[in-house]
Amino acid sequence: MADHEPQPDERPRPKFGELAPPGWVWTPPEDVDRLDTARPNPTAPDEATAPPSPAPYGSTPGPGHPSAGPHGATPGTTTPPRWNTTFTVLLIAFGFFGMAYSVVVLQGFPASMAILHSSQGLGDFHPEPLVGTLVTIGTLTMTGLWAVSTGLAVWQLLRRRMSFYIPLVAGIVAMVALFVFLAVILTTDPVLLDFYSGLMPASPAPSAPATP
């Protein structure tokens, strides 16, 4: 069996190009440096399993983004406290009654001026034509302030933002506007101005006739 064992090849190995036919020269192909994009790269991560790229700084992710919180809220936004809704609704209701009271005061102010004329003996009261215009403008202003502030407050509530300050500021502005309208209406009556400034004394009340 020893005669059939293969004997090691002790011949020297040929060098590169030694056994080529005479005159043959090897040249590399033109696209030897081109990357083969048809085959998938085993070292590249799969797109389905790759982590999502972070959003650029300053951008807000959408509701379906993994970084978005519940109900589409982003982690950077803060939810207003619960008392904001309760306080806003109470201020809106209080502002409605304040608006109604302001309208009643404006509508009845000319009648109050006429009562002062008759009770203090200042003569007949004849309001200027401007008084009716001022009363109408004041009524529209009071109603418009309440309506606009209510709409803005509700819009802020739907956006989950702080909203209690809107009816509060509107109430302060409405109060200042009411006193301004009353003062302007009062300036149309110079008799009352002289009376309140002390230039015109009040007429004494008629005394009862003496009984015999």
N, C-alpha and C. Protein backbone atom coordinates (compact mmCIF):
# COMPACT_ATOMS: atom_id res chain seq x y z
N MET A 1 0.81 -1.19 0.00
CA MET A 1 0.00 0.00 0.00
C MET A 1 0.85 1.25 0.00
N ALA A 2 2.11 1.08 0.41
CA ALA A 2 2.98 2.25 0.43
C ALA A 2 3.31 2.74 -0.95
N ASP A 3 3.19 1.79 -2.00
CA ASP A 3 3.51 2.21 -3.35
C ASP A 3 2.46 3.14 -3.91
N HIS A 4 1.18 3.07 -3.41
CA HIS A 4 0.09 3.89 -3.94
C HIS A 4 -0.05 5.21 -3.22
N GLU A 5 0.69 5.52 -2.20
CA GLU A 5 0.59 6.80 -1.50
C GLU A 5 1.12 7.91 -2.37
N PRO A 6 0.42 9.09 -2.42
CA PRO A 6 0.92 10.20 -3.27
C PRO A 6 2.19 10.77 -2.71
N GLN A 7 3.07 11.07 -3.62
CA GLN A 7 4.35 11.62 -3.23
C GLN A 7 4.27 13.15 -3.29
N PRO A 8 4.89 13.85 -2.37
CA PRO A 8 4.85 15.33 -2.41
C PRO A 8 5.55 15.87 -3.64
N ASP A 9 4.92 16.98 -4.19
CA ASP A 9 5.47 17.61 -5.39
C ASP A 9 6.57 18.57 -4.94
N GLU A 10 7.77 18.24 -5.26
CA GLU A 10 8.92 19.04 -4.87
C GLU A 10 9.35 20.03 -5.92
N ARG A 11 8.57 20.12 -7.02
CA ARG A 11 8.93 21.07 -8.08
C ARG A 11 8.63 22.49 -7.62
N PRO A 12 9.42 23.46 -7.99
CA PRO A 12 9.14 24.87 -7.59
C PRO A 12 7.90 25.39 -8.29
N ARG A 13 7.14 26.20 -7.56
CA ARG A 13 5.91 26.77 -8.14
C ARG A 13 6.27 27.86 -9.14
N PRO A 14 5.52 27.90 -10.27
CA PRO A 14 5.82 28.95 -11.27
C PRO A 14 5.39 30.32 -10.76
N LYS A 15 6.13 31.31 -11.19
CA LYS A 15 5.79 32.68 -10.83
C LYS A 15 4.66 33.18 -11.70
N PHE A 16 4.11 34.37 -11.34
CA PHE A 16 2.97 34.93 -12.06
C PHE A 16 3.40 35.28 -13.48
N GLY A 17 2.70 34.70 -14.46
CA GLY A 17 2.97 34.96 -15.88
C GLY A 17 4.09 34.15 -16.45
N GLU A 18 4.67 33.20 -15.68
CA GLU A 18 5.82 32.43 -16.18
C GLU A 18 5.37 31.40 -17.21
N LEU A 19 4.16 30.83 -17.01
CA LEU A 19 3.68 29.81 -17.94
C LEU A 19 2.82 30.38 -19.04
N ALA A 20 2.68 31.72 -19.13
CA ALA A 20 1.87 32.32 -20.19
C ALA A 20 2.57 32.17 -21.52
N PRO A 21 1.81 32.15 -22.61
CA PRO A 21 2.45 32.05 -23.94
C PRO A 21 3.24 33.30 -24.24
N PRO A 22 4.18 33.21 -25.14
CA PRO A 22 5.02 34.38 -25.47
C PRO A 22 4.18 35.51 -26.06
N GLY A 23 4.45 36.73 -25.63
CA GLY A 23 3.76 37.91 -26.14
C GLY A 23 2.46 38.25 -25.43
N TRP A 24 2.00 37.43 -24.47
CA TRP A 24 0.72 37.71 -23.77
C TRP A 24 0.97 38.66 -22.61
N VAL A 25 0.14 39.70 -22.54
CA VAL A 25 0.24 40.70 -21.47
C VAL A 25 -1.15 40.85 -20.84
N TRP A 26 -1.22 40.80 -19.56
CA TRP A 26 -2.53 40.94 -18.85
C TRP A 26 -2.80 42.40 -18.53
N THR A 27 -3.97 42.86 -18.88
CA THR A 27 -4.40 44.23 -18.56
C THR A 27 -5.68 44.15 -17.74
N PRO A 28 -5.78 44.92 -16.66
CA PRO A 28 -7.00 44.88 -15.84
C PRO A 28 -8.19 45.49 -16.58
N PRO A 29 -9.41 45.07 -16.29
CA PRO A 29 -10.59 45.67 -16.95
C PRO A 29 -10.76 47.12 -16.55
N GLU A 30 -11.52 47.89 -17.39
CA GLU A 30 -11.71 49.32 -17.13
C GLU A 30 -12.54 49.59 -15.87
N ASP A 31 -13.51 48.76 -15.54
CA ASP A 31 -14.39 49.00 -14.39
C ASP A 31 -13.95 48.22 -13.17
N VAL A 32 -12.64 48.05 -13.00
CA VAL A 32 -12.18 47.27 -11.87
C VAL A 32 -12.39 48.03 -10.56
N ASP A 33 -12.35 49.40 -10.62
CA ASP A 33 -12.53 50.20 -9.41
C ASP A 33 -13.99 50.56 -9.14
N ARG A 34 -14.91 50.14 -10.02
CA ARG A 34 -16.31 50.48 -9.82
C ARG A 34 -16.93 49.58 -8.76
N LEU A 35 -17.73 50.21 -7.87
CA LEU A 35 -18.41 49.44 -6.83
C LEU A 35 -19.60 48.71 -7.41
N ASP A 36 -19.80 47.52 -6.96
CA ASP A 36 -20.94 46.73 -7.42
C ASP A 36 -22.13 47.04 -6.52
N THR A 37 -23.02 47.93 -7.02
CA THR A 37 -24.19 48.32 -6.23
C THR A 37 -25.36 47.37 -6.40
N ALA A 38 -25.25 46.43 -7.32
CA ALA A 38 -26.36 45.51 -7.50
C ALA A 38 -26.45 44.51 -6.36
N ARG A 39 -25.32 44.21 -5.73
CA ARG A 39 -25.32 43.27 -4.62
C ARG A 39 -25.52 44.02 -3.30
N PRO A 40 -26.33 43.50 -2.40
CA PRO A 40 -26.51 44.17 -1.11
C PRO A 40 -25.24 44.12 -0.28
N ASN A 41 -25.03 45.20 0.45
CA ASN A 41 -23.85 45.28 1.31
C ASN A 41 -24.17 44.63 2.65
N PRO A 42 -23.49 43.54 2.98
CA PRO A 42 -23.85 42.85 4.23
C PRO A 42 -23.52 43.67 5.46
N THR A 43 -22.59 44.63 5.34
CA THR A 43 -22.22 45.43 6.52
C THR A 43 -23.15 46.61 6.74
N ALA A 44 -23.98 47.00 5.71
CA ALA A 44 -24.87 48.15 5.87
C ALA A 44 -26.09 47.73 6.68
N PRO A 45 -26.59 48.59 7.61
CA PRO A 45 -27.78 48.24 8.40
C PRO A 45 -29.03 48.28 7.55
N ASP A 46 -29.98 47.43 7.89
CA ASP A 46 -31.25 47.37 7.18
C ASP A 46 -32.04 48.63 7.46
N GLU A 47 -32.74 49.19 6.42
CA GLU A 47 -33.52 50.41 6.59
C GLU A 47 -34.69 50.20 7.53
N ALA A 48 -35.24 48.99 7.53
CA ALA A 48 -36.40 48.74 8.39
C ALA A 48 -36.00 48.70 9.86
N THR A 49 -34.76 48.21 10.14
CA THR A 49 -34.32 48.11 11.53
C THR A 49 -33.45 49.27 11.96
N ALA A 50 -33.11 50.17 11.03
CA ALA A 50 -32.25 51.29 11.39
C ALA A 50 -33.02 52.26 12.26
N PRO A 51 -32.39 52.86 13.28
CA PRO A 51 -33.09 53.82 14.14
C PRO A 51 -33.42 55.07 13.36
N PRO A 52 -34.55 55.73 13.67
CA PRO A 52 -34.93 56.95 12.94
C PRO A 52 -33.94 58.06 13.20
N SER A 53 -33.71 58.81 12.16
CA SER A 53 -32.77 59.93 12.29
C SER A 53 -33.39 61.02 13.13
N PRO A 54 -32.60 61.68 13.98
CA PRO A 54 -33.17 62.73 14.82
C PRO A 54 -33.62 63.92 14.00
N ALA A 55 -34.71 64.56 14.47
CA ALA A 55 -35.23 65.73 13.77
C ALA A 55 -34.27 66.89 13.95
N PRO A 56 -34.21 67.78 12.98
CA PRO A 56 -33.31 68.93 13.12
C PRO A 56 -33.74 69.82 14.26
N TYR A 57 -32.77 70.55 14.78
CA TYR A 57 -33.03 71.41 15.95
C TYR A 57 -34.04 72.48 15.58
N GLY A 58 -35.03 72.65 16.44
CA GLY A 58 -36.04 73.68 16.24
C GLY A 58 -37.27 73.20 15.51
N SER A 59 -37.26 71.96 14.93
CA SER A 59 -38.43 71.46 14.24
C SER A 59 -39.32 70.71 15.21
N THR A 60 -40.62 70.69 14.93
CA THR A 60 -41.60 70.04 15.78
C THR A 60 -42.04 68.75 15.13
N PRO A 61 -41.87 67.59 15.76
CA PRO A 61 -42.30 66.34 15.15
C PRO A 61 -43.80 66.25 15.10
N GLY A 62 -44.29 65.53 14.10
CA GLY A 62 -45.72 65.38 13.93
C GLY A 62 -46.31 64.40 14.91
N PRO A 63 -47.66 64.20 14.84
CA PRO A 63 -48.30 63.29 15.79
C PRO A 63 -47.82 61.86 15.66
N GLY A 64 -47.45 61.43 14.43
CA GLY A 64 -47.01 60.06 14.25
C GLY A 64 -45.55 59.83 14.53
N HIS A 65 -44.82 60.86 14.86
CA HIS A 65 -43.38 60.71 15.12
C HIS A 65 -43.15 59.99 16.44
N PRO A 66 -42.14 59.12 16.53
CA PRO A 66 -41.91 58.39 17.79
C PRO A 66 -41.62 59.29 18.96
N SER A 67 -41.03 60.47 18.72
CA SER A 67 -40.71 61.36 19.84
C SER A 67 -41.89 62.17 20.31
N ALA A 68 -43.02 62.14 19.58
CA ALA A 68 -44.19 62.90 20.01
C ALA A 68 -44.87 62.17 21.15
N GLY A 69 -45.41 62.94 22.08
CA GLY A 69 -46.09 62.38 23.24
C GLY A 69 -47.51 61.98 22.91
N PRO A 70 -48.33 61.64 23.93
CA PRO A 70 -49.73 61.30 23.69
C PRO A 70 -50.50 62.51 23.21
N HIS A 71 -51.53 62.26 22.37
CA HIS A 71 -52.39 63.28 21.79
C HIS A 71 -51.58 64.24 20.92
N GLY A 72 -50.44 63.80 20.39
CA GLY A 72 -49.66 64.64 19.51
C GLY A 72 -48.90 65.74 20.19
N ALA A 73 -48.81 65.75 21.50
CA ALA A 73 -48.09 66.81 22.23
C ALA A 73 -46.61 66.48 22.27
N THR A 74 -45.81 67.47 22.06
CA THR A 74 -44.37 67.28 22.08
C THR A 74 -43.85 67.38 23.51
N PRO A 75 -42.73 66.74 23.79
CA PRO A 75 -42.21 66.79 25.16
C PRO A 75 -41.84 68.20 25.60
N GLY A 76 -41.57 69.13 24.66
CA GLY A 76 -41.15 70.47 25.06
C GLY A 76 -42.28 71.37 25.49
N THR A 77 -43.55 71.03 25.15
CA THR A 77 -44.67 71.88 25.49
C THR A 77 -45.23 71.49 26.84
N THR A 78 -45.71 72.49 27.59
CA THR A 78 -46.27 72.26 28.91
C THR A 78 -47.78 72.40 28.85
N THR A 79 -48.48 71.52 29.54
CA THR A 79 -49.93 71.57 29.60
C THR A 79 -50.35 72.51 30.73
N PRO A 80 -51.33 73.42 30.48
CA PRO A 80 -51.74 74.34 31.53
C PRO A 80 -52.41 73.59 32.67
N PRO A 81 -52.39 74.15 33.87
CA PRO A 81 -53.04 73.47 35.01
C PRO A 81 -54.55 73.44 34.87
N ARG A 82 -55.17 72.61 35.69
CA ARG A 82 -56.63 72.45 35.59
C ARG A 82 -57.37 73.69 36.01
N TRP A 83 -56.81 74.46 36.97
CA TRP A 83 -57.52 75.64 37.43
C TRP A 83 -57.63 76.69 36.34
N ASN A 84 -56.81 76.59 35.30
CA ASN A 84 -56.90 77.57 34.21
C ASN A 84 -58.26 77.50 33.53
N THR A 85 -58.75 76.29 33.27
CA THR A 85 -60.06 76.14 32.62
C THR A 85 -61.17 76.64 33.53
N THR A 86 -61.14 76.24 34.80
CA THR A 86 -62.20 76.66 35.73
C THR A 86 -62.20 78.17 35.90
N PHE A 87 -61.05 78.76 36.10
CA PHE A 87 -60.96 80.19 36.32
C PHE A 87 -61.38 80.96 35.06
N THR A 88 -61.03 80.44 33.89
CA THR A 88 -61.42 81.11 32.64
C THR A 88 -62.93 81.11 32.46
N VAL A 89 -63.58 79.98 32.73
CA VAL A 89 -65.03 79.91 32.58
C VAL A 89 -65.72 80.84 33.58
N LEU A 90 -65.23 80.90 34.81
CA LEU A 90 -65.82 81.79 35.80
C LEU A 90 -65.66 83.25 35.40
N LEU A 91 -64.50 83.61 34.88
CA LEU A 91 -64.28 84.99 34.45
C LEU A 91 -65.16 85.35 33.25
N ILE A 92 -65.36 84.40 32.35
CA ILE A 92 -66.24 84.66 31.21
C ILE A 92 -67.68 84.90 31.68
N ALA A 93 -68.16 84.07 32.62
CA ALA A 93 -69.51 84.25 33.15
C ALA A 93 -69.63 85.57 33.92
N PHE A 94 -68.63 85.87 34.74
CA PHE A 94 -68.64 87.13 35.48
C PHE A 94 -68.57 88.33 34.52
N GLY A 95 -67.80 88.19 33.46
CA GLY A 95 -67.72 89.26 32.47
C GLY A 95 -69.03 89.49 31.74
N PHE A 96 -69.81 88.42 31.55
CA PHE A 96 -71.11 88.59 30.89
C PHE A 96 -72.04 89.44 31.75
N PHE A 97 -72.09 89.14 33.05
CA PHE A 97 -72.95 89.94 33.94
C PHE A 97 -72.41 91.37 34.05
N GLY A 98 -71.08 91.53 34.07
CA GLY A 98 -70.52 92.88 34.10
C GLY A 98 -70.84 93.66 32.84
N MET A 99 -70.80 92.98 31.69
CA MET A 99 -71.14 93.64 30.43
C MET A 99 -72.61 94.06 30.43
N ALA A 100 -73.50 93.19 30.90
CA ALA A 100 -74.92 93.54 30.95
C ALA A 100 -75.17 94.71 31.89
N TYR A 101 -74.51 94.74 33.05
CA TYR A 101 -74.67 95.85 33.99
C TYR A 101 -74.15 97.15 33.39
N SER A 102 -73.04 97.10 32.67
CA SER A 102 -72.49 98.30 32.04
C SER A 102 -73.45 98.86 30.99
N VAL A 103 -74.06 97.98 30.23
CA VAL A 103 -75.02 98.43 29.21
C VAL A 103 -76.23 99.10 29.87
N VAL A 104 -76.71 98.52 30.98
CA VAL A 104 -77.85 99.11 31.69
C VAL A 104 -77.48 100.49 32.24
N VAL A 105 -76.27 100.61 32.78
CA VAL A 105 -75.84 101.91 33.33
C VAL A 105 -75.75 102.95 32.22
N LEU A 106 -75.18 102.57 31.07
CA LEU A 106 -75.08 103.52 29.97
C LEU A 106 -76.45 103.93 29.44
N GLN A 107 -77.35 102.97 29.30
CA GLN A 107 -78.67 103.29 28.77
C GLN A 107 -79.47 104.16 29.73
N GLY A 108 -79.28 103.99 31.03
CA GLY A 108 -80.05 104.76 32.01
C GLY A 108 -79.36 106.00 32.52
N PHE A 109 -78.14 106.30 32.04
CA PHE A 109 -77.43 107.48 32.55
C PHE A 109 -78.13 108.79 32.16
N PRO A 110 -78.65 108.97 30.95
CA PRO A 110 -79.39 110.21 30.67
C PRO A 110 -80.60 110.40 31.57
N ALA A 111 -81.31 109.31 31.89
CA ALA A 111 -82.44 109.44 32.80
C ALA A 111 -81.98 109.83 34.20
N SER A 112 -80.82 109.33 34.64
CA SER A 112 -80.29 109.73 35.95
C SER A 112 -79.92 111.21 35.96
N MET A 113 -79.41 111.70 34.87
CA MET A 113 -79.10 113.13 34.79
C MET A 113 -80.38 113.97 34.86
N ALA A 114 -81.44 113.51 34.23
CA ALA A 114 -82.71 114.25 34.30
C ALA A 114 -83.26 114.25 35.72
N ILE A 115 -83.09 113.14 36.46
CA ILE A 115 -83.56 113.09 37.85
C ILE A 115 -82.77 114.06 38.71
N LEU A 116 -81.47 114.19 38.47
CA LEU A 116 -80.66 115.15 39.21
C LEU A 116 -81.12 116.59 38.94
N HIS A 117 -81.47 116.87 37.71
CA HIS A 117 -81.96 118.21 37.39
C HIS A 117 -83.23 118.53 38.17
N SER A 118 -84.14 117.59 38.18
CA SER A 118 -85.42 117.87 38.84
C SER A 118 -85.30 117.87 40.37
N SER A 119 -84.45 116.98 40.93
CA SER A 119 -84.35 116.89 42.38
C SER A 119 -83.53 118.04 42.98
N GLN A 120 -82.58 118.57 42.24
CA GLN A 120 -81.75 119.65 42.74
C GLN A 120 -82.19 121.03 42.25
N GLY A 121 -83.31 121.09 41.55
CA GLY A 121 -83.81 122.37 41.07
C GLY A 121 -82.91 123.03 40.06
N LEU A 122 -82.33 122.26 39.16
CA LEU A 122 -81.41 122.79 38.16
C LEU A 122 -82.10 123.12 36.84
N GLY A 123 -83.39 123.05 36.80
CA GLY A 123 -84.12 123.35 35.58
C GLY A 123 -84.38 122.11 34.76
N ASP A 124 -84.97 122.32 33.62
CA ASP A 124 -85.29 121.21 32.73
C ASP A 124 -84.02 120.64 32.10
N PHE A 125 -84.06 119.35 31.88
CA PHE A 125 -82.90 118.66 31.29
C PHE A 125 -83.18 118.43 29.81
N HIS A 126 -82.29 118.92 28.99
CA HIS A 126 -82.37 118.75 27.54
C HIS A 126 -81.05 118.13 27.08
N PRO A 127 -81.01 116.83 26.90
CA PRO A 127 -79.74 116.19 26.51
C PRO A 127 -79.31 116.60 25.11
N GLU A 128 -78.02 116.65 24.93
CA GLU A 128 -77.47 116.95 23.62
C GLU A 128 -77.65 115.77 22.68
N PRO A 129 -77.72 116.03 21.37
CA PRO A 129 -77.83 114.90 20.43
C PRO A 129 -76.64 113.94 20.50
N LEU A 130 -75.47 114.43 20.98
CA LEU A 130 -74.30 113.57 21.08
C LEU A 130 -74.46 112.50 22.16
N VAL A 131 -75.36 112.73 23.12
CA VAL A 131 -75.52 111.77 24.21
C VAL A 131 -76.01 110.43 23.68
N GLY A 132 -76.98 110.45 22.80
CA GLY A 132 -77.49 109.19 22.23
C GLY A 132 -76.43 108.44 21.45
N THR A 133 -75.58 109.18 20.72
CA THR A 133 -74.50 108.53 19.97
C THR A 133 -73.47 107.90 20.90
N LEU A 134 -73.14 108.62 21.97
CA LEU A 134 -72.18 108.07 22.93
C LEU A 134 -72.71 106.83 23.63
N VAL A 135 -73.99 106.83 23.95
CA VAL A 135 -74.60 105.66 24.58
C VAL A 135 -74.55 104.46 23.64
N THR A 136 -74.83 104.68 22.37
CA THR A 136 -74.79 103.57 21.40
C THR A 136 -73.37 103.04 21.21
N ILE A 137 -72.40 103.96 21.09
CA ILE A 137 -71.01 103.52 20.92
C ILE A 137 -70.52 102.78 22.17
N GLY A 138 -70.89 103.29 23.34
CA GLY A 138 -70.48 102.61 24.57
C GLY A 138 -71.09 101.22 24.70
N THR A 139 -72.34 101.09 24.30
CA THR A 139 -72.99 99.77 24.36
C THR A 139 -72.30 98.78 23.43
N LEU A 140 -71.99 99.22 22.21
CA LEU A 140 -71.31 98.33 21.27
C LEU A 140 -69.90 98.00 21.76
N THR A 141 -69.25 98.94 22.41
CA THR A 141 -67.90 98.68 22.92
C THR A 141 -67.92 97.64 24.03
N MET A 142 -68.86 97.77 24.97
CA MET A 142 -68.94 96.80 26.07
C MET A 142 -69.25 95.39 25.53
N THR A 143 -70.20 95.32 24.60
CA THR A 143 -70.57 94.01 24.05
C THR A 143 -69.44 93.41 23.22
N GLY A 144 -68.77 94.24 22.43
CA GLY A 144 -67.68 93.74 21.59
C GLY A 144 -66.49 93.25 22.40
N LEU A 145 -66.15 93.96 23.49
CA LEU A 145 -65.04 93.51 24.33
C LEU A 145 -65.32 92.14 24.93
N TRP A 146 -66.54 91.94 25.40
CA TRP A 146 -66.85 90.64 25.99
C TRP A 146 -66.84 89.54 24.93
N ALA A 147 -67.40 89.81 23.75
CA ALA A 147 -67.47 88.78 22.70
C ALA A 147 -66.08 88.41 22.20
N VAL A 148 -65.23 89.40 21.97
CA VAL A 148 -63.89 89.12 21.45
C VAL A 148 -63.05 88.38 22.49
N SER A 149 -63.13 88.83 23.75
CA SER A 149 -62.34 88.16 24.79
C SER A 149 -62.81 86.72 25.01
N THR A 150 -64.11 86.50 24.93
CA THR A 150 -64.63 85.13 25.08
C THR A 150 -64.15 84.23 23.95
N GLY A 151 -64.19 84.74 22.72
CA GLY A 151 -63.71 83.93 21.60
C GLY A 151 -62.23 83.60 21.70
N LEU A 152 -61.41 84.57 22.10
CA LEU A 152 -59.98 84.31 22.24
C LEU A 152 -59.70 83.34 23.39
N ALA A 153 -60.45 83.47 24.49
CA ALA A 153 -60.23 82.57 25.62
C ALA A 153 -60.59 81.13 25.27
N VAL A 154 -61.70 80.94 24.57
CA VAL A 154 -62.10 79.59 24.15
C VAL A 154 -61.09 79.01 23.17
N TRP A 155 -60.58 79.83 22.29
CA TRP A 155 -59.57 79.36 21.33
C TRP A 155 -58.32 78.91 22.04
N GLN A 156 -57.90 79.66 23.06
CA GLN A 156 -56.73 79.25 23.83
C GLN A 156 -56.99 77.97 24.62
N LEU A 157 -58.20 77.80 25.11
CA LEU A 157 -58.53 76.55 25.82
C LEU A 157 -58.44 75.35 24.87
N LEU A 158 -58.92 75.51 23.66
CA LEU A 158 -58.85 74.41 22.70
C LEU A 158 -57.41 74.09 22.31
N ARG A 159 -56.54 75.07 22.34
CA ARG A 159 -55.12 74.86 22.03
C ARG A 159 -54.33 74.40 23.25
N ARG A 160 -55.00 74.22 24.40
CA ARG A 160 -54.34 73.81 25.64
C ARG A 160 -53.27 74.83 26.04
N ARG A 161 -53.66 76.10 26.05
CA ARG A 161 -52.78 77.19 26.46
C ARG A 161 -53.42 77.96 27.61
N MET A 162 -52.61 78.75 28.31
CA MET A 162 -53.12 79.59 29.38
C MET A 162 -54.07 80.63 28.79
N SER A 163 -55.26 80.78 29.42
CA SER A 163 -56.29 81.65 28.84
C SER A 163 -57.00 82.51 29.87
N PHE A 164 -56.73 82.34 31.16
CA PHE A 164 -57.50 83.07 32.17
C PHE A 164 -57.26 84.57 32.11
N TYR A 165 -56.09 84.97 31.62
CA TYR A 165 -55.75 86.38 31.62
C TYR A 165 -56.54 87.16 30.57
N ILE A 166 -57.08 86.49 29.55
CA ILE A 166 -57.79 87.20 28.48
C ILE A 166 -59.07 87.85 28.99
N PRO A 167 -60.02 87.12 29.62
CA PRO A 167 -61.20 87.81 30.17
C PRO A 167 -60.88 88.74 31.31
N LEU A 168 -59.79 88.46 32.03
CA LEU A 168 -59.41 89.36 33.14
C LEU A 168 -58.99 90.72 32.60
N VAL A 169 -58.14 90.73 31.59
CA VAL A 169 -57.70 91.99 30.99
C VAL A 169 -58.86 92.69 30.31
N ALA A 170 -59.73 91.92 29.65
CA ALA A 170 -60.89 92.53 28.99
C ALA A 170 -61.82 93.18 30.00
N GLY A 171 -61.99 92.58 31.18
CA GLY A 171 -62.83 93.19 32.21
C GLY A 171 -62.27 94.50 32.72
N ILE A 172 -60.95 94.57 32.89
CA ILE A 172 -60.33 95.82 33.34
C ILE A 172 -60.48 96.90 32.29
N VAL A 173 -60.26 96.55 31.02
CA VAL A 173 -60.41 97.53 29.94
C VAL A 173 -61.86 98.01 29.84
N ALA A 174 -62.82 97.09 30.00
CA ALA A 174 -64.23 97.47 29.92
C ALA A 174 -64.62 98.41 31.06
N MET A 175 -64.08 98.18 32.25
CA MET A 175 -64.38 99.07 33.37
C MET A 175 -63.84 100.48 33.13
N VAL A 176 -62.62 100.56 32.62
CA VAL A 176 -62.05 101.88 32.32
C VAL A 176 -62.85 102.57 31.22
N ALA A 177 -63.24 101.82 30.19
CA ALA A 177 -64.02 102.40 29.10
C ALA A 177 -65.38 102.89 29.58
N LEU A 178 -66.01 102.18 30.51
CA LEU A 178 -67.30 102.60 31.04
C LEU A 178 -67.19 103.96 31.72
N PHE A 179 -66.18 104.13 32.58
CA PHE A 179 -66.02 105.42 33.26
C PHE A 179 -65.68 106.54 32.28
N VAL A 180 -64.95 106.21 31.21
CA VAL A 180 -64.64 107.23 30.22
C VAL A 180 -65.91 107.68 29.50
N PHE A 181 -66.77 106.76 29.11
CA PHE A 181 -68.02 107.12 28.44
C PHE A 181 -68.94 107.92 29.35
N LEU A 182 -69.02 107.53 30.62
CA LEU A 182 -69.87 108.28 31.56
C LEU A 182 -69.34 109.70 31.76
N ALA A 183 -68.02 109.83 31.84
CA ALA A 183 -67.44 111.17 32.02
C ALA A 183 -67.68 112.05 30.79
N VAL A 184 -67.56 111.46 29.59
CA VAL A 184 -67.79 112.24 28.38
C VAL A 184 -69.26 112.66 28.28
N ILE A 185 -70.17 111.76 28.64
CA ILE A 185 -71.60 112.12 28.61
C ILE A 185 -71.90 113.23 29.61
N LEU A 186 -71.25 113.15 30.77
CA LEU A 186 -71.49 114.18 31.79
C LEU A 186 -70.98 115.55 31.34
N THR A 187 -69.91 115.58 30.56
CA THR A 187 -69.39 116.86 30.09
C THR A 187 -70.31 117.55 29.10
N THR A 188 -71.29 116.84 28.55
CA THR A 188 -72.24 117.49 27.64
C THR A 188 -73.28 118.32 28.38
N ASP A 189 -73.32 118.25 29.70
CA ASP A 189 -74.29 119.03 30.51
C ASP A 189 -73.51 120.01 31.38
N PRO A 190 -73.32 121.25 30.96
CA PRO A 190 -72.56 122.21 31.77
C PRO A 190 -73.24 122.56 33.08
N VAL A 191 -74.56 122.42 33.17
CA VAL A 191 -75.26 122.73 34.41
C VAL A 191 -74.85 121.76 35.51
N LEU A 192 -74.78 120.47 35.19
CA LEU A 192 -74.35 119.49 36.18
C LEU A 192 -72.88 119.66 36.54
N LEU A 193 -72.07 120.04 35.57
CA LEU A 193 -70.65 120.27 35.86
C LEU A 193 -70.48 121.41 36.85
N ASP A 194 -71.24 122.50 36.64
CA ASP A 194 -71.16 123.62 37.58
C ASP A 194 -71.69 123.22 38.96
N PHE A 195 -72.70 122.37 38.97
CA PHE A 195 -73.26 121.95 40.24
C PHE A 195 -72.27 121.09 41.03
N TYR A 196 -71.62 120.14 40.35
CA TYR A 196 -70.68 119.26 41.06
C TYR A 196 -69.37 119.98 41.39
N SER A 197 -69.05 121.02 40.65
CA SER A 197 -67.83 121.77 40.98
C SER A 197 -68.07 122.84 42.04
N GLY A 198 -69.33 123.03 42.49
CA GLY A 198 -69.65 123.98 43.55
C GLY A 198 -69.92 125.38 43.09
N LEU A 199 -69.98 125.61 41.77
CA LEU A 199 -70.25 126.96 41.28
C LEU A 199 -71.72 127.32 41.33
N MET A 200 -72.57 126.32 41.34
CA MET A 200 -74.01 126.58 41.38
C MET A 200 -74.58 125.90 42.62
N PRO A 201 -75.06 126.71 43.61
CA PRO A 201 -75.65 126.08 44.80
C PRO A 201 -76.99 125.47 44.48
N ALA A 202 -77.31 124.46 45.23
CA ALA A 202 -78.60 123.80 45.05
C ALA A 202 -79.70 124.69 45.56
N SER A 203 -80.82 124.72 44.89
CA SER A 203 -81.96 125.54 45.31
C SER A 203 -82.62 124.90 46.52
N PRO A 204 -83.02 125.68 47.50
CA PRO A 204 -83.65 125.09 48.68
C PRO A 204 -84.99 124.46 48.35
N ALA A 205 -85.28 123.44 49.08
CA ALA A 205 -86.55 122.75 48.87
C ALA A 205 -87.68 123.65 49.33
N PRO A 206 -88.82 123.68 48.65
CA PRO A 206 -89.94 124.53 49.06
C PRO A 206 -90.47 124.10 50.43
N SER A 207 -90.63 125.13 51.30
CA SER A 207 -91.14 124.82 52.62
C SER A 207 -92.64 124.66 52.64
N ALA A 208 -93.11 123.90 53.59
CA ALA A 208 -94.55 123.66 53.67
C ALA A 208 -95.27 124.92 54.14
N PRO A 209 -96.45 125.25 53.64
CA PRO A 209 -97.18 126.46 54.06
C PRO A 209 -97.59 126.37 55.53
N ALA A 210 -97.46 127.52 56.18
CA ALA A 210 -97.81 127.56 57.62
C ALA A 210 -99.31 127.41 57.82
N THR A 211 -99.67 126.66 58.79
CA THR A 211 -101.09 126.45 59.11
C THR A 211 -101.57 127.54 60.06
N PRO A 212 -102.74 128.12 59.86
CA PRO A 212 -103.22 129.15 60.76
C PRO A 212 -103.49 128.61 62.15
